[in-house]
Amino acid sequence: MEPKTLTNLITGILDEKKGVDIAALAVGDMTIVADYFVIVTGTSNTHINALSDAVQEKLAKEHAVLPRCVEGRASGWVVLDYASVLVHIFGKEEREHYNLERLFPNSAV
């Protein structure tokens, strides 16, 4: 699946599950880690896990796309690695602290 298409699917799923302040960043020209970062805030640990589960389940069932790995389920910052797209699901404090958007200025999609 094309990275941009995957990014759009992920942002749609996060929006359906009431993710807060969803941002998609095109980072491919600035890092070799991924083509896109999707960043979202969850309102609680339960919401963070629900957002993570929703992305994984919908992409697996409807598109046969699985993450390479999932990290941080108990930390307030879950990362879903879809190779070309990294999904960062933060708690409010963690997102403010790490502020990934400042690392990639002018990259919003």
PDB file of N, CA and C in Angstrom:
ATOM      1  N   MET A   1       0.849  -1.176   0.000  1.00  0.00           N
ATOM      2  CA  MET A   1       0.000   0.000   0.000  1.00  0.00           C
ATOM      3  C   MET A   1       0.898   1.244   0.000  1.00  0.00           C
ATOM      4  N   GLU A   2       0.495   2.227  -0.748  1.00  0.00           N
ATOM      5  CA  GLU A   2       1.255   3.478  -0.813  1.00  0.00           C
ATOM      6  C   GLU A   2       1.261   4.173   0.556  1.00  0.00           C
ATOM      7  N   PRO A   3       2.393   4.749   0.944  1.00  0.00           N
ATOM      8  CA  PRO A   3       2.480   5.402   2.251  1.00  0.00           C
ATOM      9  C   PRO A   3       1.437   6.496   2.474  1.00  0.00           C
ATOM     10  N   LYS A   4       1.158   7.291   1.469  1.00  0.00           N
ATOM     11  CA  LYS A   4       0.177   8.373   1.609  1.00  0.00           C
ATOM     12  C   LYS A   4      -1.225   7.794   1.840  1.00  0.00           C
ATOM     13  N   THR A   5      -1.563   6.736   1.117  1.00  0.00           N
ATOM     14  CA  THR A   5      -2.859   6.077   1.289  1.00  0.00           C
ATOM     15  C   THR A   5      -2.980   5.496   2.693  1.00  0.00           C
ATOM     16  N   LEU A   6      -1.916   4.841   3.157  1.00  0.00           N
ATOM     17  CA  LEU A   6      -1.906   4.280   4.503  1.00  0.00           C
ATOM     18  C   LEU A   6      -2.059   5.381   5.551  1.00  0.00           C
ATOM     19  N   THR A   7      -1.368   6.486   5.359  1.00  0.00           N
ATOM     20  CA  THR A   7      -1.474   7.623   6.270  1.00  0.00           C
ATOM     21  C   THR A   7      -2.911   8.124   6.348  1.00  0.00           C
ATOM     22  N   ASN A   8      -3.555   8.262   5.203  1.00  0.00           N
ATOM     23  CA  ASN A   8      -4.947   8.729   5.171  1.00  0.00           C
ATOM     24  C   ASN A   8      -5.895   7.748   5.861  1.00  0.00           C
ATOM     25  N   LEU A   9      -5.682   6.454   5.660  1.00  0.00           N
ATOM     26  CA  LEU A   9      -6.513   5.459   6.338  1.00  0.00           C
ATOM     27  C   LEU A   9      -6.345   5.558   7.852  1.00  0.00           C
ATOM     28  N   ILE A  10      -5.106   5.680   8.294  1.00  0.00           N
ATOM     29  CA  ILE A  10      -4.827   5.746   9.730  1.00  0.00           C
ATOM     30  C   ILE A  10      -5.455   6.991  10.347  1.00  0.00           C
ATOM     31  N   THR A  11      -5.294   8.135   9.708  1.00  0.00           N
ATOM     32  CA  THR A  11      -5.880   9.358  10.274  1.00  0.00           C
ATOM     33  C   THR A  11      -7.404   9.258  10.324  1.00  0.00           C
ATOM     34  N   GLY A  12      -8.001   8.601   9.348  1.00  0.00           N
ATOM     35  CA  GLY A  12      -9.450   8.398   9.361  1.00  0.00           C
ATOM     36  C   GLY A  12      -9.901   7.521  10.516  1.00  0.00           C
ATOM     37  N   ILE A  13      -9.171   6.448  10.774  1.00  0.00           N
ATOM     38  CA  ILE A  13      -9.501   5.555  11.888  1.00  0.00           C
ATOM     39  C   ILE A  13      -9.373   6.301  13.213  1.00  0.00           C
ATOM     40  N   LEU A  14      -8.292   7.052  13.362  1.00  0.00           N
ATOM     41  CA  LEU A  14      -8.088   7.810  14.602  1.00  0.00           C
ATOM     42  C   LEU A  14      -9.176   8.849  14.810  1.00  0.00           C
ATOM     43  N   ASP A  15      -9.616   9.477  13.732  1.00  0.00           N
ATOM     44  CA  ASP A  15     -10.696  10.457  13.817  1.00  0.00           C
ATOM     45  C   ASP A  15     -12.005   9.784  14.239  1.00  0.00           C
ATOM     46  N   GLU A  16     -12.294   8.624  13.666  1.00  0.00           N
ATOM     47  CA  GLU A  16     -13.508   7.877  14.036  1.00  0.00           C
ATOM     48  C   GLU A  16     -13.525   7.537  15.521  1.00  0.00           C
ATOM     49  N   LYS A  17     -12.358   7.279  16.085  1.00  0.00           N
ATOM     50  CA  LYS A  17     -12.246   6.899  17.503  1.00  0.00           C
ATOM     51  C   LYS A  17     -11.981   8.104  18.401  1.00  0.00           C
ATOM     52  N   LYS A  18     -12.220   9.295  17.867  1.00  0.00           N
ATOM     53  CA  LYS A  18     -12.133  10.537  18.653  1.00  0.00           C
ATOM     54  C   LYS A  18     -10.729  10.851  19.148  1.00  0.00           C
ATOM     55  N   GLY A  19      -9.714  10.524  18.330  1.00  0.00           N
ATOM     56  CA  GLY A  19      -8.362  10.947  18.648  1.00  0.00           C
ATOM     57  C   GLY A  19      -8.296  12.469  18.644  1.00  0.00           C
ATOM     58  N   VAL A  20      -7.476  13.036  19.514  1.00  0.00           N
ATOM     59  CA  VAL A  20      -7.392  14.487  19.682  1.00  0.00           C
ATOM     60  C   VAL A  20      -6.171  15.027  18.941  1.00  0.00           C
ATOM     61  N   ASP A  21      -6.370  16.146  18.221  1.00  0.00           N
ATOM     62  CA  ASP A  21      -5.280  16.870  17.571  1.00  0.00           C
ATOM     63  C   ASP A  21      -4.437  15.962  16.674  1.00  0.00           C
ATOM     64  N   ILE A  22      -5.082  15.325  15.716  1.00  0.00           N
ATOM     65  CA  ILE A  22      -4.407  14.406  14.796  1.00  0.00           C
ATOM     66  C   ILE A  22      -3.535  15.207  13.824  1.00  0.00           C
ATOM     67  N   ALA A  23      -2.288  14.792  13.692  1.00  0.00           N
ATOM     68  CA  ALA A  23      -1.360  15.451  12.763  1.00  0.00           C
ATOM     69  C   ALA A  23      -0.692  14.393  11.903  1.00  0.00           C
ATOM     70  N   ALA A  24      -0.606  14.650  10.613  1.00  0.00           N
ATOM     71  CA  ALA A  24       0.143  13.798   9.696  1.00  0.00           C
ATOM     72  C   ALA A  24       1.299  14.636   9.157  1.00  0.00           C
ATOM     73  N   LEU A  25       2.506  14.108   9.302  1.00  0.00           N
ATOM     74  CA  LEU A  25       3.706  14.826   8.877  1.00  0.00           C
ATOM     75  C   LEU A  25       4.435  14.035   7.803  1.00  0.00           C
ATOM     76  N   ALA A  26       4.794  14.701   6.717  1.00  0.00           N
ATOM     77  CA  ALA A  26       5.618  14.092   5.679  1.00  0.00           C
ATOM     78  C   ALA A  26       7.079  14.295   6.080  1.00  0.00           C
ATOM     79  N   VAL A  27       7.728  13.232   6.533  1.00  0.00           N
ATOM     80  CA  VAL A  27       9.076  13.341   7.084  1.00  0.00           C
ATOM     81  C   VAL A  27      10.124  12.625   6.224  1.00  0.00           C
ATOM     82  N   GLY A  28       9.710  12.070   5.114  1.00  0.00           N
ATOM     83  CA  GLY A  28      10.597  11.282   4.273  1.00  0.00           C
ATOM     84  C   GLY A  28      11.830  12.010   3.780  1.00  0.00           C
ATOM     85  N   ASP A  29      11.741  13.314   3.584  1.00  0.00           N
ATOM     86  CA  ASP A  29      12.900  14.094   3.127  1.00  0.00           C
ATOM     87  C   ASP A  29      13.822  14.478   4.275  1.00  0.00           C
ATOM     88  N   MET A  30      13.373  14.235   5.525  1.00  0.00           N
ATOM     89  CA  MET A  30      14.145  14.662   6.693  1.00  0.00           C
ATOM     90  C   MET A  30      14.697  13.514   7.522  1.00  0.00           C
ATOM     91  N   THR A  31      14.223  12.285   7.266  1.00  0.00           N
ATOM     92  CA  THR A  31      14.675  11.130   8.035  1.00  0.00           C
ATOM     93  C   THR A  31      14.518   9.866   7.192  1.00  0.00           C
ATOM     94  N   ILE A  32      15.344   8.883   7.497  1.00  0.00           N
ATOM     95  CA  ILE A  32      15.209   7.598   6.800  1.00  0.00           C
ATOM     96  C   ILE A  32      14.301   6.634   7.561  1.00  0.00           C
ATOM     97  N   VAL A  33      13.805   7.056   8.709  1.00  0.00           N
ATOM     98  CA  VAL A  33      12.997   6.200   9.572  1.00  0.00           C
ATOM     99  C   VAL A  33      11.661   5.849   8.929  1.00  0.00           C
ATOM    100  N   ALA A  34      11.009   6.817   8.291  1.00  0.00           N
ATOM    101  CA  ALA A  34       9.683   6.610   7.702  1.00  0.00           C
ATOM    102  C   ALA A  34       9.390   7.727   6.721  1.00  0.00           C
ATOM    103  N   ASP A  35       8.360   7.536   5.917  1.00  0.00           N
ATOM    104  CA  ASP A  35       7.899   8.582   5.008  1.00  0.00           C
ATOM    105  C   ASP A  35       6.940   9.540   5.706  1.00  0.00           C
ATOM    106  N   TYR A  36       6.135   8.991   6.626  1.00  0.00           N
ATOM    107  CA  TYR A  36       5.132   9.790   7.337  1.00  0.00           C
ATOM    108  C   TYR A  36       5.126   9.435   8.813  1.00  0.00           C
ATOM    109  N   PHE A  37       4.856  10.437   9.639  1.00  0.00           N
ATOM    110  CA  PHE A  37       4.519  10.260  11.044  1.00  0.00           C
ATOM    111  C   PHE A  37       3.056  10.673  11.190  1.00  0.00           C
ATOM    112  N   VAL A  38       2.293   9.874  11.905  1.00  0.00           N
ATOM    113  CA  VAL A  38       0.953  10.269  12.308  1.00  0.00           C
ATOM    114  C   VAL A  38       1.020  10.412  13.825  1.00  0.00           C
ATOM    115  N   ILE A  39       0.592  11.562  14.324  1.00  0.00           N
ATOM    116  CA  ILE A  39       0.660  11.857  15.749  1.00  0.00           C
ATOM    117  C   ILE A  39      -0.749  12.187  16.238  1.00  0.00           C
ATOM    118  N   VAL A  40      -1.106  11.602  17.380  1.00  0.00           N
ATOM    119  CA  VAL A  40      -2.436  11.823  17.942  1.00  0.00           C
ATOM    120  C   VAL A  40      -2.339  11.772  19.459  1.00  0.00           C
ATOM    121  N   THR A  41      -3.267  12.452  20.119  1.00  0.00           N
ATOM    122  CA  THR A  41      -3.341  12.431  21.572  1.00  0.00           C
ATOM    123  C   THR A  41      -4.568  11.651  22.003  1.00  0.00           C
ATOM    124  N   GLY A  42      -4.376  10.776  22.989  1.00  0.00           N
ATOM    125  CA  GLY A  42      -5.475  10.074  23.636  1.00  0.00           C
ATOM    126  C   GLY A  42      -5.777  10.750  24.958  1.00  0.00           C
ATOM    127  N   THR A  43      -7.008  10.667  25.405  1.00  0.00           N
ATOM    128  CA  THR A  43      -7.431  11.379  26.608  1.00  0.00           C
ATOM    129  C   THR A  43      -7.162  10.618  27.898  1.00  0.00           C
ATOM    130  N   SER A  44      -6.822   9.340  27.796  1.00  0.00           N
ATOM    131  CA  SER A  44      -6.519   8.502  28.961  1.00  0.00           C
ATOM    132  C   SER A  44      -5.746   7.286  28.459  1.00  0.00           C
ATOM    133  N   ASN A  45      -5.211   6.490  29.376  1.00  0.00           N
ATOM    134  CA  ASN A  45      -4.523   5.260  28.957  1.00  0.00           C
ATOM    135  C   ASN A  45      -5.477   4.318  28.234  1.00  0.00           C
ATOM    136  N   THR A  46      -6.719   4.269  28.698  1.00  0.00           N
ATOM    137  CA  THR A  46      -7.717   3.433  28.040  1.00  0.00           C
ATOM    138  C   THR A  46      -7.962   3.919  26.612  1.00  0.00           C
ATOM    139  N   HIS A  47      -8.064   5.221  26.422  1.00  0.00           N
ATOM    140  CA  HIS A  47      -8.284   5.785  25.094  1.00  0.00           C
ATOM    141  C   HIS A  47      -7.068   5.545  24.196  1.00  0.00           C
ATOM    142  N   ILE A  48      -5.869   5.712  24.740  1.00  0.00           N
ATOM    143  CA  ILE A  48      -4.643   5.448  23.969  1.00  0.00           C
ATOM    144  C   ILE A  48      -4.651   4.009  23.459  1.00  0.00           C
ATOM    145  N   ASN A  49      -4.969   3.064  24.333  1.00  0.00           N
ATOM    146  CA  ASN A  49      -5.005   1.656  23.925  1.00  0.00           C
ATOM    147  C   ASN A  49      -6.126   1.384  22.930  1.00  0.00           C
ATOM    148  N   ALA A  50      -7.267   2.052  23.094  1.00  0.00           N
ATOM    149  CA  ALA A  50      -8.377   1.887  22.145  1.00  0.00           C
ATOM    150  C   ALA A  50      -7.997   2.420  20.764  1.00  0.00           C
ATOM    151  N   LEU A  51      -7.300   3.541  20.720  1.00  0.00           N
ATOM    152  CA  LEU A  51      -6.842   4.085  19.432  1.00  0.00           C
ATOM    153  C   LEU A  51      -5.877   3.111  18.760  1.00  0.00           C
ATOM    154  N   SER A  52      -4.937   2.602  19.526  1.00  0.00           N
ATOM    155  CA  SER A  52      -3.970   1.640  19.006  1.00  0.00           C
ATOM    156  C   SER A  52      -4.664   0.388  18.483  1.00  0.00           C
ATOM    157  N   ASP A  53      -5.562  -0.151  19.273  1.00  0.00           N
ATOM    158  CA  ASP A  53      -6.293  -1.365  18.878  1.00  0.00           C
ATOM    159  C   ASP A  53      -7.118  -1.121  17.619  1.00  0.00           C
ATOM    160  N   ALA A  54      -7.779   0.026  17.536  1.00  0.00           N
ATOM    161  CA  ALA A  54      -8.636   0.321  16.384  1.00  0.00           C
ATOM    162  C   ALA A  54      -7.821   0.377  15.095  1.00  0.00           C
ATOM    163  N   VAL A  55      -6.678   1.039  15.139  1.00  0.00           N
ATOM    164  CA  VAL A  55      -5.832   1.119  13.941  1.00  0.00           C
ATOM    165  C   VAL A  55      -5.383  -0.280  13.531  1.00  0.00           C
ATOM    166  N   GLN A  56      -4.867  -1.036  14.485  1.00  0.00           N
ATOM    167  CA  GLN A  56      -4.367  -2.372  14.165  1.00  0.00           C
ATOM    168  C   GLN A  56      -5.465  -3.287  13.626  1.00  0.00           C
ATOM    169  N   GLU A  57      -6.622  -3.288  14.288  1.00  0.00           N
ATOM    170  CA  GLU A  57      -7.704  -4.182  13.884  1.00  0.00           C
ATOM    171  C   GLU A  57      -8.272  -3.838  12.519  1.00  0.00           C
ATOM    172  N   LYS A  58      -8.522  -2.556  12.278  1.00  0.00           N
ATOM    173  CA  LYS A  58      -9.135  -2.165  11.006  1.00  0.00           C
ATOM    174  C   LYS A  58      -8.184  -2.383   9.833  1.00  0.00           C
ATOM    175  N   LEU A  59      -6.918  -2.031  10.013  1.00  0.00           N
ATOM    176  CA  LEU A  59      -5.955  -2.240   8.923  1.00  0.00           C
ATOM    177  C   LEU A  59      -5.746  -3.725   8.645  1.00  0.00           C
ATOM    178  N   ALA A  60      -5.736  -4.536   9.690  1.00  0.00           N
ATOM    179  CA  ALA A  60      -5.560  -5.980   9.510  1.00  0.00           C
ATOM    180  C   ALA A  60      -6.762  -6.598   8.811  1.00  0.00           C
ATOM    181  N   LYS A  61      -7.978  -6.289   9.293  1.00  0.00           N
ATOM    182  CA  LYS A  61      -9.183  -6.904   8.754  1.00  0.00           C
ATOM    183  C   LYS A  61      -9.531  -6.426   7.354  1.00  0.00           C
ATOM    184  N   GLU A  62      -9.412  -5.122   7.131  1.00  0.00           N
ATOM    185  CA  GLU A  62      -9.889  -4.561   5.859  1.00  0.00           C
ATOM    186  C   GLU A  62      -8.815  -4.445   4.785  1.00  0.00           C
ATOM    187  N   HIS A  63      -7.532  -4.469   5.196  1.00  0.00           N
ATOM    188  CA  HIS A  63      -6.472  -4.237   4.210  1.00  0.00           C
ATOM    189  C   HIS A  63      -5.310  -5.223   4.320  1.00  0.00           C
ATOM    190  N   ALA A  64      -5.403  -6.183   5.242  1.00  0.00           N
ATOM    191  CA  ALA A  64      -4.345  -7.173   5.468  1.00  0.00           C
ATOM    192  C   ALA A  64      -2.987  -6.515   5.717  1.00  0.00           C
ATOM    193  N   VAL A  65      -3.007  -5.401   6.450  1.00  0.00           N
ATOM    194  CA  VAL A  65      -1.782  -4.671   6.780  1.00  0.00           C
ATOM    195  C   VAL A  65      -1.550  -4.803   8.285  1.00  0.00           C
ATOM    196  N   LEU A  66      -0.375  -5.309   8.641  1.00  0.00           N
ATOM    197  CA  LEU A  66      -0.012  -5.502  10.041  1.00  0.00           C
ATOM    198  C   LEU A  66       1.197  -4.638  10.387  1.00  0.00           C
ATOM    199  N   PRO A  67       1.267  -4.167  11.626  1.00  0.00           N
ATOM    200  CA  PRO A  67       2.459  -3.404  12.015  1.00  0.00           C
ATOM    201  C   PRO A  67       3.663  -4.339  12.152  1.00  0.00           C
ATOM    202  N   ARG A  68       4.855  -3.791  11.883  1.00  0.00           N
ATOM    203  CA  ARG A  68       6.078  -4.576  12.100  1.00  0.00           C
ATOM    204  C   ARG A  68       6.297  -4.786  13.587  1.00  0.00           C
ATOM    205  N   CYS A  69       5.955  -3.769  14.382  1.00  0.00           N
ATOM    206  CA  CYS A  69       6.022  -3.912  15.833  1.00  0.00           C
ATOM    207  C   CYS A  69       5.161  -2.843  16.483  1.00  0.00           C
ATOM    208  N   VAL A  70       4.854  -3.089  17.753  1.00  0.00           N
ATOM    209  CA  VAL A  70       4.080  -2.163  18.582  1.00  0.00           C
ATOM    210  C   VAL A  70       4.866  -2.009  19.873  1.00  0.00           C
ATOM    211  N   GLU A  71       5.130  -0.763  20.248  1.00  0.00           N
ATOM    212  CA  GLU A  71       5.925  -0.507  21.452  1.00  0.00           C
ATOM    213  C   GLU A  71       5.195   0.462  22.376  1.00  0.00           C
ATOM    214  N   GLY A  72       5.410   0.304  23.690  1.00  0.00           N
ATOM    215  CA  GLY A  72       4.995   1.288  24.671  1.00  0.00           C
ATOM    216  C   GLY A  72       3.590   1.179  25.197  1.00  0.00           C
ATOM    217  N   ARG A  73       2.961   0.037  25.127  1.00  0.00           N
ATOM    218  CA  ARG A  73       1.547  -0.084  25.510  1.00  0.00           C
ATOM    219  C   ARG A  73       1.247   0.409  26.925  1.00  0.00           C
ATOM    220  N   ALA A  74       2.212   0.408  27.808  1.00  0.00           N
ATOM    221  CA  ALA A  74       1.935   0.830  29.185  1.00  0.00           C
ATOM    222  C   ALA A  74       2.629   2.135  29.554  1.00  0.00           C
ATOM    223  N   SER A  75       3.089   2.888  28.563  1.00  0.00           N
ATOM    224  CA  SER A  75       3.957   4.025  28.868  1.00  0.00           C
ATOM    225  C   SER A  75       3.354   5.401  28.656  1.00  0.00           C
ATOM    226  N   GLY A  76       2.184   5.505  28.053  1.00  0.00           N
ATOM    227  CA  GLY A  76       1.647   6.816  27.703  1.00  0.00           C
ATOM    228  C   GLY A  76       2.091   7.282  26.327  1.00  0.00           C
ATOM    229  N   TRP A  77       2.832   6.426  25.611  1.00  0.00           N
ATOM    230  CA  TRP A  77       3.267   6.730  24.242  1.00  0.00           C
ATOM    231  C   TRP A  77       3.374   5.410  23.498  1.00  0.00           C
ATOM    232  N   VAL A  78       2.389   5.105  22.689  1.00  0.00           N
ATOM    233  CA  VAL A  78       2.387   3.880  21.905  1.00  0.00           C
ATOM    234  C   VAL A  78       2.850   4.214  20.492  1.00  0.00           C
ATOM    235  N   VAL A  79       3.736   3.384  19.961  1.00  0.00           N
ATOM    236  CA  VAL A  79       4.212   3.545  18.588  1.00  0.00           C
ATOM    237  C   VAL A  79       3.835   2.301  17.799  1.00  0.00           C
ATOM    238  N   LEU A  80       3.143   2.521  16.678  1.00  0.00           N
ATOM    239  CA  LEU A  80       2.818   1.456  15.732  1.00  0.00           C
ATOM    240  C   LEU A  80       3.720   1.652  14.521  1.00  0.00           C
ATOM    241  N   ASP A  81       4.526   0.658  14.204  1.00  0.00           N
ATOM    242  CA  ASP A  81       5.485   0.755  13.103  1.00  0.00           C
ATOM    243  C   ASP A  81       4.940   0.039  11.878  1.00  0.00           C
ATOM    244  N   TYR A  82       4.496   0.819  10.910  1.00  0.00           N
ATOM    245  CA  TYR A  82       4.022   0.279   9.639  1.00  0.00           C
ATOM    246  C   TYR A  82       5.047   0.527   8.532  1.00  0.00           C
ATOM    247  N   ALA A  83       6.319   0.495   8.876  1.00  0.00           N
ATOM    248  CA  ALA A  83       7.458   0.687   7.967  1.00  0.00           C
ATOM    249  C   ALA A  83       7.490   2.105   7.416  1.00  0.00           C
ATOM    250  N   SER A  84       6.689   2.406   6.435  1.00  0.00           N
ATOM    251  CA  SER A  84       6.708   3.743   5.832  1.00  0.00           C
ATOM    252  C   SER A  84       5.930   4.773   6.642  1.00  0.00           C
ATOM    253  N   VAL A  85       5.122   4.283   7.595  1.00  0.00           N
ATOM    254  CA  VAL A  85       4.316   5.176   8.441  1.00  0.00           C
ATOM    255  C   VAL A  85       4.492   4.757   9.902  1.00  0.00           C
ATOM    256  N   LEU A  86       4.900   5.707  10.727  1.00  0.00           N
ATOM    257  CA  LEU A  86       4.969   5.481  12.172  1.00  0.00           C
ATOM    258  C   LEU A  86       3.825   6.239  12.827  1.00  0.00           C
ATOM    259  N   VAL A  87       3.058   5.529  13.642  1.00  0.00           N
ATOM    260  CA  VAL A  87       1.922   6.126  14.337  1.00  0.00           C
ATOM    261  C   VAL A  87       2.321   6.324  15.796  1.00  0.00           C
ATOM    262  N   HIS A  88       2.276   7.571  16.252  1.00  0.00           N
ATOM    263  CA  HIS A  88       2.627   7.928  17.624  1.00  0.00           C
ATOM    264  C   HIS A  88       1.341   8.317  18.344  1.00  0.00           C
ATOM    265  N   ILE A  89       0.959   7.520  19.346  1.00  0.00           N
ATOM    266  CA  ILE A  89      -0.253   7.783  20.109  1.00  0.00           C
ATOM    267  C   ILE A  89       0.187   8.177  21.518  1.00  0.00           C
ATOM    268  N   PHE A  90      -0.016   9.444  21.845  1.00  0.00           N
ATOM    269  CA  PHE A  90       0.479  10.012  23.092  1.00  0.00           C
ATOM    270  C   PHE A  90      -0.636  10.307  24.081  1.00  0.00           C
ATOM    271  N   GLY A  91      -0.264  10.328  25.358  1.00  0.00           N
ATOM    272  CA  GLY A  91      -1.051  11.008  26.366  1.00  0.00           C
ATOM    273  C   GLY A  91      -0.744  12.493  26.242  1.00  0.00           C
ATOM    274  N   LYS A  92      -1.578  13.340  26.814  1.00  0.00           N
ATOM    275  CA  LYS A  92      -1.411  14.796  26.681  1.00  0.00           C
ATOM    276  C   LYS A  92      -0.038  15.267  27.163  1.00  0.00           C
ATOM    277  N   GLU A  93       0.371  14.853  28.354  1.00  0.00           N
ATOM    278  CA  GLU A  93       1.645  15.309  28.911  1.00  0.00           C
ATOM    279  C   GLU A  93       2.834  14.814  28.086  1.00  0.00           C
ATOM    280  N   GLU A  94       2.770  13.555  27.641  1.00  0.00           N
ATOM    281  CA  GLU A  94       3.860  12.992  26.838  1.00  0.00           C
ATOM    282  C   GLU A  94       3.991  13.724  25.500  1.00  0.00           C
ATOM    283  N   ARG A  95       2.860  14.050  24.883  1.00  0.00           N
ATOM    284  CA  ARG A  95       2.927  14.759  23.598  1.00  0.00           C
ATOM    285  C   ARG A  95       3.532  16.141  23.779  1.00  0.00           C
ATOM    286  N   GLU A  96       3.124  16.839  24.831  1.00  0.00           N
ATOM    287  CA  GLU A  96       3.696  18.163  25.085  1.00  0.00           C
ATOM    288  C   GLU A  96       5.191  18.075  25.393  1.00  0.00           C
ATOM    289  N   HIS A  97       5.582  17.057  26.139  1.00  0.00           N
ATOM    290  CA  HIS A  97       6.988  16.907  26.519  1.00  0.00           C
ATOM    291  C   HIS A  97       7.876  16.602  25.310  1.00  0.00           C
ATOM    292  N   TYR A  98       7.505  15.623  24.503  1.00  0.00           N
ATOM    293  CA  TYR A  98       8.346  15.212  23.377  1.00  0.00           C
ATOM    294  C   TYR A  98       8.187  16.103  22.155  1.00  0.00           C
ATOM    295  N   ASN A  99       7.021  16.689  21.962  1.00  0.00           N
ATOM    296  CA  ASN A  99       6.769  17.680  20.915  1.00  0.00           C
ATOM    297  C   ASN A  99       7.425  17.319  19.577  1.00  0.00           C
ATOM    298  N   LEU A 100       7.077  16.177  19.031  1.00  0.00           N
ATOM    299  CA  LEU A 100       7.674  15.717  17.776  1.00  0.00           C
ATOM    300  C   LEU A 100       7.463  16.700  16.625  1.00  0.00           C
ATOM    301  N   GLU A 101       6.354  17.423  16.655  1.00  0.00           N
ATOM    302  CA  GLU A 101       6.084  18.356  15.552  1.00  0.00           C
ATOM    303  C   GLU A 101       7.183  19.406  15.406  1.00  0.00           C
ATOM    304  N   ARG A 102       7.807  19.809  16.493  1.00  0.00           N
ATOM    305  CA  ARG A 102       8.848  20.837  16.396  1.00  0.00           C
ATOM    306  C   ARG A 102      10.100  20.316  15.685  1.00  0.00           C
ATOM    307  N   LEU A 103      10.290  18.989  15.672  1.00  0.00           N
ATOM    308  CA  LEU A 103      11.447  18.414  14.994  1.00  0.00           C
ATOM    309  C   LEU A 103      11.302  18.444  13.472  1.00  0.00           C
ATOM    310  N   PHE A 104      10.068  18.540  13.014  1.00  0.00           N
ATOM    311  CA  PHE A 104       9.789  18.488  11.581  1.00  0.00           C
ATOM    312  C   PHE A 104       8.914  19.669  11.165  1.00  0.00           C
ATOM    313  N   PRO A 105       9.451  20.897  11.265  1.00  0.00           N
ATOM    314  CA  PRO A 105       8.646  22.071  10.908  1.00  0.00           C
ATOM    315  C   PRO A 105       8.260  22.055   9.428  1.00  0.00           C
ATOM    316  N   ASN A 106       7.120  22.596   9.140  1.00  0.00           N
ATOM    317  CA  ASN A 106       6.622  22.721   7.756  1.00  0.00           C
ATOM    318  C   ASN A 106       6.454  21.383   7.058  1.00  0.00           C
ATOM    319  N   SER A 107       6.151  20.342   7.817  1.00  0.00           N
ATOM    320  CA  SER A 107       5.994  19.020   7.211  1.00  0.00           C
ATOM    321  C   SER A 107       4.550  18.502   7.274  1.00  0.00           C
ATOM    322  N   ALA A 108       3.640  19.308   7.787  1.00  0.00           N
ATOM    323  CA  ALA A 108       2.242  18.877   7.907  1.00  0.00           C
ATOM    324  C   ALA A 108       1.665  18.559   6.532  1.00  0.00           C
ATOM    325  N   VAL A 109       0.892  17.485   6.488  1.00  0.00           N
ATOM    326  CA  VAL A 109       0.284  17.059   5.231  1.00  0.00           C
ATOM    327  C   VAL A 109      -1.062  17.733   5.097  1.00  0.00           C
TER     328      VAL A 109
END
